[in-house]
Protein backbone atom coordinates (compact mmCIF):
# COMPACT_ATOMS: atom_id res chain seq x y z
CA MET A 1 126.04 112.52 32.32
CA ARG A 2 128.62 113.06 34.89
CA ILE A 3 126.55 115.77 36.62
CA PHE A 4 123.55 113.57 36.47
CA MET A 5 125.46 110.78 38.38
CA LYS A 6 126.68 113.26 40.95
CA ILE A 7 123.16 114.62 41.54
CA THR A 8 121.79 111.09 41.77
CA ALA A 9 124.51 110.07 44.21
CA PHE A 10 123.86 113.21 46.33
CA PHE A 11 120.14 112.56 46.38
CA PHE A 12 120.67 108.94 47.31
CA LEU A 13 123.00 110.00 50.12
CA VAL A 14 120.48 112.46 51.47
CA VAL A 15 117.62 109.85 51.38
CA LEU A 16 119.89 107.36 53.10
CA CYS A 17 120.79 109.81 55.80
CA ILE A 18 117.15 110.77 56.39
CA GLY A 19 116.04 107.18 56.35
CA CYS A 20 118.61 106.19 58.94
CA THR A 21 117.59 108.91 61.49
CA VAL A 22 115.87 107.34 64.39
CA MET A 23 112.85 109.34 65.53
CA SER A 24 112.07 108.50 69.15
CA GLN A 25 108.82 109.85 70.54
CA ARG A 26 108.61 108.20 73.97
CA SER A 27 105.27 108.40 75.60
CA ASP A 28 104.77 107.99 79.40
CA TYR A 29 101.80 105.77 78.62
CA ASP A 30 103.76 103.41 76.33
CA THR A 31 106.37 102.37 78.90
CA PRO A 32 105.38 100.51 81.96
CA LYS A 33 105.94 102.48 85.24
CA THR A 34 108.32 101.07 87.80
CA GLN A 35 107.02 100.33 91.37
CA LEU A 36 108.76 103.45 92.58
CA GLN A 37 107.19 105.68 89.91
CA THR A 38 103.75 104.31 90.73
CA ARG A 39 104.26 104.90 94.44
CA GLU A 40 105.32 108.47 93.73
CA PHE A 41 102.04 109.60 92.25
CA GLN A 42 99.96 107.39 94.65
CA THR A 43 101.55 109.04 97.73
CA ARG A 44 101.25 112.48 99.41
CA GLU A 45 102.81 113.70 102.64
CA TYR A 46 101.18 116.03 105.15
CA ASP A 47 102.67 118.38 107.79
CA THR A 48 101.00 116.68 110.72
CA ASN A 49 101.58 113.48 112.59
CA ASP A 50 97.86 113.27 113.58
CA THR A 51 97.02 110.26 111.47
CA LYS A 52 93.48 110.16 113.00
CA LEU A 53 92.82 113.63 111.57
CA ILE A 54 94.29 112.54 108.22
CA MET A 55 92.14 109.35 108.11
CA LYS A 56 89.02 111.35 108.97
CA ALA A 57 89.70 113.80 106.20
CA VAL A 58 90.30 110.93 103.64
CA LEU A 59 87.17 109.16 104.85
CA ASN A 60 85.14 112.41 104.33
CA VAL A 61 86.53 112.92 100.85
CA LEU A 62 85.70 109.30 99.90
CA GLN A 63 82.08 109.72 101.16
CA ASP A 64 81.67 113.07 99.40
CA ASP A 65 82.69 111.15 96.12
CA GLY A 66 80.11 108.53 96.78
CA PHE A 67 82.24 105.63 98.10
CA ILE A 68 80.96 103.31 100.74
CA VAL A 69 83.67 102.68 103.28
CA LYS A 70 84.04 98.86 103.88
CA ASN A 71 86.75 98.86 106.42
CA ALA A 72 88.69 101.32 108.52
CA VAL A 73 91.48 100.25 111.02
CA VAL A 74 92.85 103.25 112.76
CA ASP A 75 95.79 101.38 114.36
CA LEU A 76 97.04 100.25 110.97
CA GLY A 77 96.04 103.41 109.24
CA LEU A 78 93.97 101.43 106.66
CA LEU A 79 90.85 102.51 104.78
CA SER A 80 89.10 100.47 102.05
CA ALA A 81 86.13 101.65 100.15
CA SER A 82 84.20 100.96 96.98
CA LYS A 83 81.82 102.74 94.62
CA GLU A 84 79.43 101.25 92.01
CA ILE A 85 78.62 103.07 88.86
CA ASP A 86 75.70 101.82 86.68
CA LEU A 87 76.80 102.02 83.06
CA GLN A 88 73.20 101.95 81.87
CA ASN A 89 72.58 105.44 83.26
CA SER A 90 75.17 107.44 81.32
CA GLY A 91 73.54 110.63 82.28
CA SER A 92 74.25 110.29 85.94
CA LYS A 93 75.44 113.14 88.19
CA ASP A 94 78.73 111.56 88.45
CA GLU A 95 80.25 112.85 85.20
CA PHE A 96 83.87 112.65 86.44
CA TRP A 97 83.71 108.80 87.01
CA SER A 98 81.70 108.25 83.88
CA THR A 99 84.28 110.14 81.74
CA PHE A 100 87.19 108.61 83.35
CA PHE A 101 85.98 104.98 82.70
CA GLU A 102 84.42 105.50 79.29
CA ILE A 103 87.22 103.70 77.57
CA LEU A 104 86.87 100.68 79.82
CA SER A 105 83.09 100.27 79.20
CA LYS A 106 83.21 98.83 75.77
CA PRO A 107 80.44 96.11 75.25
CA SER A 108 81.54 92.52 75.34
CA THR A 109 80.08 89.39 73.89
CA ARG A 110 81.06 85.75 74.84
CA LYS A 111 81.84 83.16 72.20
CA GLY A 112 79.27 80.28 72.05
CA HIS A 113 76.49 82.03 73.78
CA THR A 114 73.52 82.99 71.73
CA ALA A 115 70.70 83.07 74.20
CA GLU A 116 71.19 86.36 75.97
CA PRO A 117 73.66 89.01 74.87
CA THR A 118 76.07 90.31 77.49
CA TYR A 119 76.90 93.91 77.92
CA ASN A 120 78.80 95.99 80.49
CA LYS A 121 76.52 96.78 83.32
CA VAL A 122 78.45 98.04 86.37
CA LYS A 123 81.83 99.69 87.15
CA ILE A 124 83.15 99.07 90.61
CA VAL A 125 85.86 101.42 91.76
CA GLU A 126 87.73 100.10 94.80
CA VAL A 127 90.33 102.00 96.86
CA SER A 128 92.77 101.00 99.46
CA ILE A 129 94.40 103.79 101.50
CA ASN A 130 97.23 103.55 103.97
CA VAL A 131 98.05 106.43 106.42
CA THR A 132 101.42 106.26 108.04
CA GLU A 133 102.99 108.48 110.63
CA ILE A 134 106.59 109.37 109.84
CA GLY A 135 107.96 111.55 112.60
CA LYS A 136 106.22 114.94 112.55
CA ARG A 137 104.57 114.14 109.22
CA SER A 138 102.03 111.68 107.80
CA LYS A 139 102.27 109.84 104.54
CA VAL A 140 99.02 108.80 102.64
CA ARG A 141 99.12 106.24 99.84
CA ALA A 142 96.06 105.53 97.72
CA ASN A 143 95.61 102.67 95.25
CA PHE A 144 92.50 102.68 93.03
CA GLN A 145 91.32 99.74 90.98
CA ALA A 146 88.43 99.58 88.48
CA LYS A 147 86.35 96.47 87.66
CA ILE A 148 83.70 96.18 84.99
CA LEU A 149 80.95 93.56 85.41
CA ASP A 150 78.58 92.49 82.76
CA ASN A 151 74.87 92.09 83.12
CA LYS A 152 75.33 88.53 84.36
CA GLY A 153 77.72 89.54 87.12
CA ASN A 154 80.81 88.20 85.44
CA THR A 155 84.05 90.23 85.54
CA VAL A 156 84.81 91.73 82.17
CA GLN A 157 87.90 93.71 83.02
CA VAL A 158 90.00 94.59 86.03
CA SER A 159 92.59 97.44 85.84
CA ASP A 160 94.57 99.53 88.24
CA VAL A 161 94.17 103.24 87.92
CA GLU A 162 97.59 104.39 86.80
CA ASP A 163 96.79 107.97 85.78
CA PRO A 164 98.92 110.51 87.74
CA LYS A 165 96.38 113.28 86.96
CA PHE A 166 93.67 111.17 88.63
CA TYR A 167 95.71 110.85 91.80
CA GLN A 168 96.61 114.52 91.70
CA ASP A 169 92.88 115.48 91.56
CA PHE A 170 92.13 112.98 94.37
CA PHE A 171 94.91 114.42 96.63
CA ALA A 172 93.81 117.98 95.86
CA LYS A 173 90.40 116.94 97.39
CA VAL A 174 92.29 115.43 100.37
CA ASP A 175 94.33 118.58 100.79
CA LYS A 176 91.01 120.53 101.16
CA GLY A 177 89.61 117.83 103.44
CA VAL A 178 92.65 118.08 105.77
CA PHE A 179 92.34 121.82 105.89
CA ILE A 180 88.61 121.54 106.79
CA GLN A 181 89.31 118.91 109.33
CA LYS A 182 92.04 121.06 110.99
CA GLN A 183 89.58 124.02 111.12
CA GLY A 184 87.02 121.79 112.83
CA LEU A 185 84.35 122.57 110.21
């Protein structure tokens, strides 16, 4: 009986120790990013102070990706552009954008409306880019935002693009664009 009590006490102690162990699996997507962390992946520096060359390269990259440039102010180093993606044509040539925003394009229905169902119709991707000269270098900061509109033109969802991989891919295109622009091609 005494051995049984010792084994039970030992088993209880082991279970207690295991139960009290804190398992922390922190995910970068679970915790909100600070303003500095967000700026870090939204920004890239280039080894030239020719902001006009950088702006031209960024403009070309945006146009290559199907964006319509809405505003460009060279003196301020500001570019703004947008791109519309029709959610009804999922087999479009723009697989990158369709895949990226697949999660955001869940159908919506409004309470109290029975006449015509609403569904997600258009994704609008907007970007604001700031090019700044810093000594012998240039700094580029890009900020992307996605909006989903329903078939009646109402905004369903607005979200900032906060995926570091997305910005890494964008700046890889800008890197190539800067190289091409420097070569005069």
